[in-house]
PDB file of all heavy atoms in Angstrom:
ATOM      1  N   MET A   1       0.844  -1.225  -0.001  1.00  0.00           N
ATOM      2  CA  MET A   1      -0.013  -0.065  -0.007  1.00  0.00           C
ATOM      3  C   MET A   1       0.870   1.305   0.030  1.00  0.00           C
ATOM      4  O   MET A   1       0.441   2.190  -0.709  1.00  0.00           O
ATOM      5  CB  MET A   1      -0.816   0.004   1.185  1.00  0.00           C
ATOM      6  CG  MET A   1      -1.921  -1.057   1.177  1.00  0.00           C
ATOM      7  SD  MET A   1      -3.046  -1.076   2.639  1.00  0.00           S
ATOM      8  CE  MET A   1      -3.842   0.516   2.480  1.00  0.00           C
ATOM      9  N   TRP A   2       2.008   1.303   0.832  1.00  0.00           N
ATOM     10  CA  TRP A   2       2.938   2.416   0.786  1.00  0.00           C
ATOM     11  C   TRP A   2       3.472   2.607  -0.544  1.00  0.00           C
ATOM     12  O   TRP A   2       3.589   3.784  -0.991  1.00  0.00           O
ATOM     13  CB  TRP A   2       3.925   2.195   1.976  1.00  0.00           C
ATOM     14  CG  TRP A   2       4.755   3.298   2.117  1.00  0.00           C
ATOM     15  CD1 TRP A   2       5.641   4.025   1.316  1.00  0.00           C
ATOM     16  CD2 TRP A   2       4.789   4.172   3.331  1.00  0.00           C
ATOM     17  NE1 TRP A   2       6.271   5.017   1.860  1.00  0.00           N
ATOM     18  CE2 TRP A   2       5.767   5.278   3.118  1.00  0.00           C
ATOM     19  CE3 TRP A   2       4.112   4.211   4.469  1.00  0.00           C
ATOM     20  CZ2 TRP A   2       5.980   6.242   4.120  1.00  0.00           C
ATOM     21  CZ3 TRP A   2       4.366   5.141   5.473  1.00  0.00           C
ATOM     22  CH2 TRP A   2       5.310   6.206   5.305  1.00  0.00           C
ATOM     23  N   TRP A   3       3.947   1.540  -1.178  1.00  0.00           N
ATOM     24  CA  TRP A   3       4.424   1.715  -2.451  1.00  0.00           C
ATOM     25  C   TRP A   3       3.515   2.164  -3.461  1.00  0.00           C
ATOM     26  O   TRP A   3       3.823   2.967  -4.442  1.00  0.00           O
ATOM     27  CB  TRP A   3       5.054   0.186  -2.858  1.00  0.00           C
ATOM     28  CG  TRP A   3       5.678   0.295  -4.282  1.00  0.00           C
ATOM     29  CD1 TRP A   3       6.820   0.817  -4.655  1.00  0.00           C
ATOM     30  CD2 TRP A   3       4.943  -0.317  -5.382  1.00  0.00           C
ATOM     31  NE1 TRP A   3       7.074   0.477  -6.004  1.00  0.00           N
ATOM     32  CE2 TRP A   3       5.913  -0.021  -6.490  1.00  0.00           C
ATOM     33  CE3 TRP A   3       3.784  -0.879  -5.782  1.00  0.00           C
ATOM     34  CZ2 TRP A   3       5.611  -0.421  -7.871  1.00  0.00           C
ATOM     35  CZ3 TRP A   3       3.469  -1.306  -7.003  1.00  0.00           C
ATOM     36  CH2 TRP A   3       4.506  -1.099  -8.087  1.00  0.00           C
ATOM     37  N   SER A   4       2.248   1.776  -3.303  1.00  0.00           N
ATOM     38  CA  SER A   4       1.265   2.162  -4.434  1.00  0.00           C
ATOM     39  C   SER A   4       0.771   3.693  -4.144  1.00  0.00           C
ATOM     40  O   SER A   4       0.452   4.532  -5.034  1.00  0.00           O
ATOM     41  CB  SER A   4       0.020   1.294  -4.392  1.00  0.00           C
ATOM     42  OG  SER A   4       0.370  -0.021  -4.729  1.00  0.00           O
ATOM     43  N   ASP A   5       0.611   3.956  -2.746  1.00  0.00           N
ATOM     44  CA  ASP A   5       0.015   5.312  -2.349  1.00  0.00           C
ATOM     45  C   ASP A   5       0.474   5.588  -0.935  1.00  0.00           C
ATOM     46  O   ASP A   5      -0.073   5.078   0.106  1.00  0.00           O
ATOM     47  CB  ASP A   5      -1.576   5.364  -2.435  1.00  0.00           C
ATOM     48  CG  ASP A   5      -2.099   6.692  -1.998  1.00  0.00           C
ATOM     49  OD1 ASP A   5      -1.408   7.594  -1.998  1.00  0.00           O
ATOM     50  OD2 ASP A   5      -3.258   6.641  -1.393  1.00  0.00           O
ATOM     51  N   TRP A   6       1.535   6.323  -0.781  1.00  0.00           N
ATOM     52  CA  TRP A   6       2.220   6.490   0.501  1.00  0.00           C
ATOM     53  C   TRP A   6       1.242   7.119   1.602  1.00  0.00           C
ATOM     54  O   TRP A   6       1.428   6.896   2.718  1.00  0.00           O
ATOM     55  CB  TRP A   6       3.521   7.330   0.334  1.00  0.00           C
ATOM     56  CG  TRP A   6       3.301   8.788   0.134  1.00  0.00           C
ATOM     57  CD1 TRP A   6       3.248   9.393  -1.219  1.00  0.00           C
ATOM     58  CD2 TRP A   6       3.118   9.758   1.091  1.00  0.00           C
ATOM     59  NE1 TRP A   6       2.976  10.708  -1.006  1.00  0.00           N
ATOM     60  CE2 TRP A   6       2.991  11.010   0.315  1.00  0.00           C
ATOM     61  CE3 TRP A   6       3.150   9.880   2.446  1.00  0.00           C
ATOM     62  CZ2 TRP A   6       2.891  12.240   0.974  1.00  0.00           C
ATOM     63  CZ3 TRP A   6       2.910  11.194   3.037  1.00  0.00           C
ATOM     64  CH2 TRP A   6       2.790  12.258   2.425  1.00  0.00           C
ATOM     65  N   ILE A   7       0.444   7.982   1.145  1.00  0.00           N
ATOM     66  CA  ILE A   7      -0.601   8.560   2.127  1.00  0.00           C
ATOM     67  C   ILE A   7      -1.454   7.501   2.790  1.00  0.00           C
ATOM     68  O   ILE A   7      -1.698   7.473   3.934  1.00  0.00           O
ATOM     69  CB  ILE A   7      -1.491   9.630   1.403  1.00  0.00           C
ATOM     70  CG1 ILE A   7      -0.600  10.789   0.841  1.00  0.00           C
ATOM     71  CG2 ILE A   7      -2.535  10.111   2.237  1.00  0.00           C
ATOM     72  CD1 ILE A   7      -1.246  11.963   0.232  1.00  0.00           C
ATOM     73  N   SER A   8      -2.015   6.579   1.814  1.00  0.00           N
ATOM     74  CA  SER A   8      -2.916   5.537   2.422  1.00  0.00           C
ATOM     75  C   SER A   8      -2.019   4.572   3.357  1.00  0.00           C
ATOM     76  O   SER A   8      -2.468   4.094   4.448  1.00  0.00           O
ATOM     77  CB  SER A   8      -3.408   4.710   1.230  1.00  0.00           C
ATOM     78  OG  SER A   8      -4.304   5.555   0.529  1.00  0.00           O
ATOM     79  N   GLY A   9      -0.716   4.353   2.907  1.00  0.00           N
ATOM     80  CA  GLY A   9       0.200   3.441   3.627  1.00  0.00           C
ATOM     81  C   GLY A   9       0.508   4.079   4.924  1.00  0.00           C
ATOM     82  O   GLY A   9       0.592   3.376   6.008  1.00  0.00           O
ATOM     83  N   LEU A  10       0.684   5.310   5.038  1.00  0.00           N
ATOM     84  CA  LEU A  10       1.070   6.027   6.246  1.00  0.00           C
ATOM     85  C   LEU A  10      -0.259   6.056   7.271  1.00  0.00           C
ATOM     86  O   LEU A  10      -0.075   5.965   8.344  1.00  0.00           O
ATOM     87  CB  LEU A  10       1.403   7.640   5.955  1.00  0.00           C
ATOM     88  CG  LEU A  10       1.761   8.330   7.136  1.00  0.00           C
ATOM     89  CD1 LEU A  10       2.852   7.793   8.067  1.00  0.00           C
ATOM     90  CD2 LEU A  10       2.054   9.883   6.683  1.00  0.00           C
ATOM     91  N   THR A  11      -1.361   6.232   6.568  1.00  0.00           N
ATOM     92  CA  THR A  11      -2.646   6.154   7.376  1.00  0.00           C
ATOM     93  C   THR A  11      -2.783   4.907   8.100  1.00  0.00           C
ATOM     94  O   THR A  11      -3.064   4.729   9.288  1.00  0.00           O
ATOM     95  CB  THR A  11      -3.882   6.522   6.508  1.00  0.00           C
ATOM     96  OG1 THR A  11      -3.652   7.708   5.932  1.00  0.00           O
ATOM     97  CG2 THR A  11      -5.225   6.509   7.350  1.00  0.00           C
ATOM     98  N   VAL A  12      -2.622   3.841   7.288  1.00  0.00           N
ATOM     99  CA  VAL A  12      -2.719   2.432   7.924  1.00  0.00           C
ATOM    100  C   VAL A  12      -1.641   2.255   8.909  1.00  0.00           C
ATOM    101  O   VAL A  12      -1.963   1.719  10.052  1.00  0.00           O
ATOM    102  CB  VAL A  12      -2.533   1.380   6.800  1.00  0.00           C
ATOM    103  CG1 VAL A  12      -2.418  -0.016   7.408  1.00  0.00           C
ATOM    104  CG2 VAL A  12      -3.773   1.547   5.836  1.00  0.00           C
ATOM    105  N   LEU A  13      -0.396   2.776   8.745  1.00  0.00           N
ATOM    106  CA  LEU A  13       0.762   2.593   9.630  1.00  0.00           C
ATOM    107  C   LEU A  13       0.437   3.356  10.954  1.00  0.00           C
ATOM    108  O   LEU A  13       0.724   2.794  12.068  1.00  0.00           O
ATOM    109  CB  LEU A  13       1.997   3.099   9.018  1.00  0.00           C
ATOM    110  CG  LEU A  13       3.219   2.516   9.660  1.00  0.00           C
ATOM    111  CD1 LEU A  13       3.385   1.155   9.523  1.00  0.00           C
ATOM    112  CD2 LEU A  13       4.483   3.169   8.997  1.00  0.00           C
ATOM    113  N   LEU A  14      -0.256   4.422  10.825  1.00  0.00           N
ATOM    114  CA  LEU A  14      -0.584   5.125  12.087  1.00  0.00           C
ATOM    115  C   LEU A  14      -1.801   4.660  12.831  1.00  0.00           C
ATOM    116  O   LEU A  14      -1.800   4.703  14.149  1.00  0.00           O
ATOM    117  CB  LEU A  14      -0.831   6.635  11.728  1.00  0.00           C
ATOM    118  CG  LEU A  14       0.369   7.418  11.241  1.00  0.00           C
ATOM    119  CD1 LEU A  14      -0.049   8.862  10.746  1.00  0.00           C
ATOM    120  CD2 LEU A  14       1.436   7.560  12.198  1.00  0.00           C
ATOM    121  N   THR A  15      -2.746   4.109  12.181  1.00  0.00           N
ATOM    122  CA  THR A  15      -3.944   3.521  12.813  1.00  0.00           C
ATOM    123  C   THR A  15      -3.791   2.107  13.293  1.00  0.00           C
ATOM    124  O   THR A  15      -4.497   1.625  14.102  1.00  0.00           O
ATOM    125  CB  THR A  15      -5.213   3.643  11.905  1.00  0.00           C
ATOM    126  OG1 THR A  15      -4.941   3.046  10.587  1.00  0.00           O
ATOM    127  CG2 THR A  15      -5.526   5.218  11.570  1.00  0.00           C
ATOM    128  N   LEU A  16      -2.969   1.373  12.506  1.00  0.00           N
ATOM    129  CA  LEU A  16      -2.800   0.032  12.843  1.00  0.00           C
ATOM    130  C   LEU A  16      -2.513  -0.397  14.340  1.00  0.00           C
ATOM    131  O   LEU A  16      -2.990  -1.324  14.916  1.00  0.00           O
ATOM    132  CB  LEU A  16      -1.793  -0.739  11.928  1.00  0.00           C
ATOM    133  CG  LEU A  16      -1.851  -2.223  11.605  1.00  0.00           C
ATOM    134  CD1 LEU A  16      -3.233  -2.602  11.087  1.00  0.00           C
ATOM    135  CD2 LEU A  16      -0.729  -2.640  10.619  1.00  0.00           C
ATOM    136  N   PRO A  17      -1.471   0.337  14.969  1.00  0.00           N
ATOM    137  CA  PRO A  17      -1.150   0.069  16.373  1.00  0.00           C
ATOM    138  C   PRO A  17      -2.331   0.137  17.331  1.00  0.00           C
ATOM    139  O   PRO A  17      -2.250  -0.409  18.361  1.00  0.00           O
ATOM    140  CB  PRO A  17      -0.114   1.168  16.630  1.00  0.00           C
ATOM    141  CG  PRO A  17       0.458   1.551  15.383  1.00  0.00           C
ATOM    142  CD  PRO A  17      -0.652   1.490  14.387  1.00  0.00           C
ATOM    143  N   LEU A  18      -3.367   0.842  16.988  1.00  0.00           N
ATOM    144  CA  LEU A  18      -4.564   0.952  17.839  1.00  0.00           C
ATOM    145  C   LEU A  18      -5.109  -0.418  18.268  1.00  0.00           C
ATOM    146  O   LEU A  18      -5.541  -0.697  19.326  1.00  0.00           O
ATOM    147  CB  LEU A  18      -5.616   1.901  17.203  1.00  0.00           C
ATOM    148  CG  LEU A  18      -5.235   3.377  17.233  1.00  0.00           C
ATOM    149  CD1 LEU A  18      -6.326   4.095  16.436  1.00  0.00           C
ATOM    150  CD2 LEU A  18      -4.941   3.977  18.449  1.00  0.00           C
ATOM    151  N   ILE A  19      -5.087  -1.385  17.154  1.00  0.00           N
ATOM    152  CA  ILE A  19      -5.595  -2.614  17.419  1.00  0.00           C
ATOM    153  C   ILE A  19      -4.711  -3.501  18.251  1.00  0.00           C
ATOM    154  O   ILE A  19      -5.379  -4.004  19.295  1.00  0.00           O
ATOM    155  CB  ILE A  19      -5.842  -3.329  16.019  1.00  0.00           C
ATOM    156  CG1 ILE A  19      -6.826  -2.618  15.263  1.00  0.00           C
ATOM    157  CG2 ILE A  19      -6.225  -4.700  16.200  1.00  0.00           C
ATOM    158  CD1 ILE A  19      -7.072  -3.171  13.797  1.00  0.00           C
ATOM    159  N   PRO A  20      -3.490  -3.589  18.288  1.00  0.00           N
ATOM    160  CA  PRO A  20      -2.772  -4.277  19.127  1.00  0.00           C
ATOM    161  C   PRO A  20      -2.775  -3.805  20.549  1.00  0.00           C
ATOM    162  O   PRO A  20      -2.808  -4.517  21.688  1.00  0.00           O
ATOM    163  CB  PRO A  20      -1.292  -4.130  18.625  1.00  0.00           C
ATOM    164  CG  PRO A  20      -1.406  -3.892  17.156  1.00  0.00           C
ATOM    165  CD  PRO A  20      -2.681  -3.225  17.003  1.00  0.00           C
ATOM    166  N   ILE A  21      -2.956  -2.484  20.686  1.00  0.00           N
ATOM    167  CA  ILE A  21      -3.004  -1.849  21.905  1.00  0.00           C
ATOM    168  C   ILE A  21      -4.293  -2.290  22.658  1.00  0.00           C
ATOM    169  O   ILE A  21      -4.274  -2.685  23.881  1.00  0.00           O
ATOM    170  CB  ILE A  21      -3.004  -0.301  21.900  1.00  0.00           C
ATOM    171  CG1 ILE A  21      -1.524   0.100  21.474  1.00  0.00           C
ATOM    172  CG2 ILE A  21      -3.359   0.387  23.268  1.00  0.00           C
ATOM    173  CD1 ILE A  21      -1.464   1.557  21.228  1.00  0.00           C
ATOM    174  N   PHE A  22      -5.417  -2.282  21.976  1.00  0.00           N
ATOM    175  CA  PHE A  22      -6.565  -2.634  22.572  1.00  0.00           C
ATOM    176  C   PHE A  22      -6.617  -4.180  22.796  1.00  0.00           C
ATOM    177  O   PHE A  22      -7.272  -4.743  23.733  1.00  0.00           O
ATOM    178  CB  PHE A  22      -7.859  -2.229  21.680  1.00  0.00           C
ATOM    179  CG  PHE A  22      -8.330  -0.944  21.959  1.00  0.00           C
ATOM    180  CD1 PHE A  22      -7.677   0.180  21.331  1.00  0.00           C
ATOM    181  CD2 PHE A  22      -9.310  -0.677  22.806  1.00  0.00           C
ATOM    182  CE1 PHE A  22      -8.200   1.533  21.635  1.00  0.00           C
ATOM    183  CE2 PHE A  22      -9.877   0.657  23.024  1.00  0.00           C
ATOM    184  CZ  PHE A  22      -9.240   1.642  22.556  1.00  0.00           C
ATOM    185  N   MET A  23      -6.011  -4.932  21.795  1.00  0.00           N
ATOM    186  CA  MET A  23      -5.802  -6.318  22.008  1.00  0.00           C
ATOM    187  C   MET A  23      -5.132  -6.713  23.371  1.00  0.00           C
ATOM    188  O   MET A  23      -5.455  -7.597  24.093  1.00  0.00           O
ATOM    189  CB  MET A  23      -5.084  -6.998  20.844  1.00  0.00           C
ATOM    190  CG  MET A  23      -5.966  -7.205  19.625  1.00  0.00           C
ATOM    191  SD  MET A  23      -4.988  -7.770  18.218  1.00  0.00           S
ATOM    192  CE  MET A  23      -4.259  -9.277  18.885  1.00  0.00           C
ATOM    193  N   ILE A  24      -4.113  -6.018  23.598  1.00  0.00           N
ATOM    194  CA  ILE A  24      -3.303  -6.224  24.903  1.00  0.00           C
ATOM    195  C   ILE A  24      -4.156  -5.984  26.102  1.00  0.00           C
ATOM    196  O   ILE A  24      -4.314  -6.810  27.007  1.00  0.00           O
ATOM    197  CB  ILE A  24      -2.067  -5.404  24.907  1.00  0.00           C
ATOM    198  CG1 ILE A  24      -0.996  -5.864  23.804  1.00  0.00           C
ATOM    199  CG2 ILE A  24      -1.348  -5.520  26.314  1.00  0.00           C
ATOM    200  CD1 ILE A  24       0.188  -4.943  23.607  1.00  0.00           C
ATOM    201  N   LEU A  25      -4.911  -4.777  26.133  1.00  0.00           N
ATOM    202  CA  LEU A  25      -5.694  -4.457  27.168  1.00  0.00           C
ATOM    203  C   LEU A  25      -6.821  -5.525  27.384  1.00  0.00           C
ATOM    204  O   LEU A  25      -7.075  -5.932  28.507  1.00  0.00           O
ATOM    205  CB  LEU A  25      -6.320  -3.111  26.875  1.00  0.00           C
ATOM    206  CG  LEU A  25      -5.335  -1.925  26.970  1.00  0.00           C
ATOM    207  CD1 LEU A  25      -6.110  -0.717  26.625  1.00  0.00           C
ATOM    208  CD2 LEU A  25      -4.615  -1.850  28.232  1.00  0.00           C
ATOM    209  N   ILE A  26      -7.513  -5.865  26.371  1.00  0.00           N
ATOM    210  CA  ILE A  26      -8.630  -6.847  26.357  1.00  0.00           C
ATOM    211  C   ILE A  26      -7.996  -8.176  26.788  1.00  0.00           C
ATOM    212  O   ILE A  26      -8.534  -9.008  27.466  1.00  0.00           O
ATOM    213  CB  ILE A  26      -9.382  -6.839  25.065  1.00  0.00           C
ATOM    214  CG1 ILE A  26     -10.056  -5.542  24.868  1.00  0.00           C
ATOM    215  CG2 ILE A  26     -10.382  -8.049  25.026  1.00  0.00           C
ATOM    216  CD1 ILE A  26     -10.675  -5.337  23.337  1.00  0.00           C
ATOM    217  N   GLY A  27      -6.889  -8.566  26.177  1.00  0.00           N
ATOM    218  CA  GLY A  27      -6.121  -9.873  26.482  1.00  0.00           C
ATOM    219  C   GLY A  27      -5.912  -9.970  27.978  1.00  0.00           C
ATOM    220  O   GLY A  27      -5.995 -11.075  28.395  1.00  0.00           O
ATOM    221  N   LEU A  28      -5.474  -9.015  28.575  1.00  0.00           N
ATOM    222  CA  LEU A  28      -5.233  -9.010  30.030  1.00  0.00           C
ATOM    223  C   LEU A  28      -6.438  -9.345  30.848  1.00  0.00           C
ATOM    224  O   LEU A  28      -6.496 -10.105  31.728  1.00  0.00           O
ATOM    225  CB  LEU A  28      -4.541  -7.756  30.487  1.00  0.00           C
ATOM    226  CG  LEU A  28      -3.178  -7.433  30.016  1.00  0.00           C
ATOM    227  CD1 LEU A  28      -2.698  -6.027  30.533  1.00  0.00           C
ATOM    228  CD2 LEU A  28      -2.251  -8.402  30.435  1.00  0.00           C
ATOM    229  N   ALA A  29      -7.651  -8.646  30.433  1.00  0.00           N
ATOM    230  CA  ALA A  29      -8.828  -8.805  31.109  1.00  0.00           C
ATOM    231  C   ALA A  29      -9.237 -10.274  30.773  1.00  0.00           C
ATOM    232  O   ALA A  29      -9.821 -10.978  31.715  1.00  0.00           O
ATOM    233  CB  ALA A  29      -9.796  -7.911  30.621  1.00  0.00           C
ATOM    234  N   THR A  30      -9.120 -10.665  29.502  1.00  0.00           N
ATOM    235  CA  THR A  30      -9.519 -12.066  29.086  1.00  0.00           C
ATOM    236  C   THR A  30      -8.762 -13.070  29.900  1.00  0.00           C
ATOM    237  O   THR A  30      -9.347 -14.133  30.339  1.00  0.00           O
ATOM    238  CB  THR A  30      -9.334 -12.357  27.623  1.00  0.00           C
ATOM    239  OG1 THR A  30     -10.097 -11.236  27.018  1.00  0.00           O
ATOM    240  CG2 THR A  30      -9.731 -13.617  27.298  1.00  0.00           C
ATOM    241  N   ARG A  31      -7.459 -13.022  30.140  1.00  0.00           N
ATOM    242  CA  ARG A  31      -6.663 -13.988  30.803  1.00  0.00           C
ATOM    243  C   ARG A  31      -7.096 -14.082  32.258  1.00  0.00           C
ATOM    244  O   ARG A  31      -7.196 -15.236  32.743  1.00  0.00           O
ATOM    245  CB  ARG A  31      -5.223 -13.523  30.743  1.00  0.00           C
ATOM    246  CG  ARG A  31      -4.268 -14.526  31.606  1.00  0.00           C
ATOM    247  CD  ARG A  31      -2.844 -14.205  31.324  1.00  0.00           C
ATOM    248  NE  ARG A  31      -2.459 -14.151  29.886  1.00  0.00           N
ATOM    249  CZ  ARG A  31      -1.140 -14.000  29.543  1.00  0.00           C
ATOM    250  NH1 ARG A  31      -0.286 -13.626  30.399  1.00  0.00           N
ATOM    251  NH2 ARG A  31      -0.826 -14.012  28.283  1.00  0.00           N
ATOM    252  N   ILE A  32      -7.465 -12.965  32.831  1.00  0.00           N
ATOM    253  CA  ILE A  32      -7.886 -13.033  34.262  1.00  0.00           C
ATOM    254  C   ILE A  32      -9.162 -13.848  34.314  1.00  0.00           C
ATOM    255  O   ILE A  32      -9.262 -14.673  35.157  1.00  0.00           O
ATOM    256  CB  ILE A  32      -8.088 -11.669  34.786  1.00  0.00           C
ATOM    257  CG1 ILE A  32      -6.805 -10.861  34.917  1.00  0.00           C
ATOM    258  CG2 ILE A  32      -8.818 -11.576  36.126  1.00  0.00           C
ATOM    259  CD1 ILE A  32      -6.881  -9.381  35.176  1.00  0.00           C
ATOM    260  N   VAL A  33     -10.123 -13.553  33.510  1.00  0.00           N
ATOM    261  CA  VAL A  33     -11.517 -14.257  33.578  1.00  0.00           C
ATOM    262  C   VAL A  33     -11.387 -15.667  33.146  1.00  0.00           C
ATOM    263  O   VAL A  33     -11.938 -16.596  33.725  1.00  0.00           O
ATOM    264  CB  VAL A  33     -12.509 -13.501  32.828  1.00  0.00           C
ATOM    265  CG1 VAL A  33     -12.816 -12.162  33.467  1.00  0.00           C
ATOM    266  CG2 VAL A  33     -12.290 -13.389  31.394  1.00  0.00           C
TER     267      VAL A  33
END
């Protein structure tokens, strides 16, 4: 995506980490329960 359209690639690169962050937070809660 970056090679085809760097703006879209940058957008994905900036928003993508939000998912792992929430996954970690939810994963901690999931492991406890």
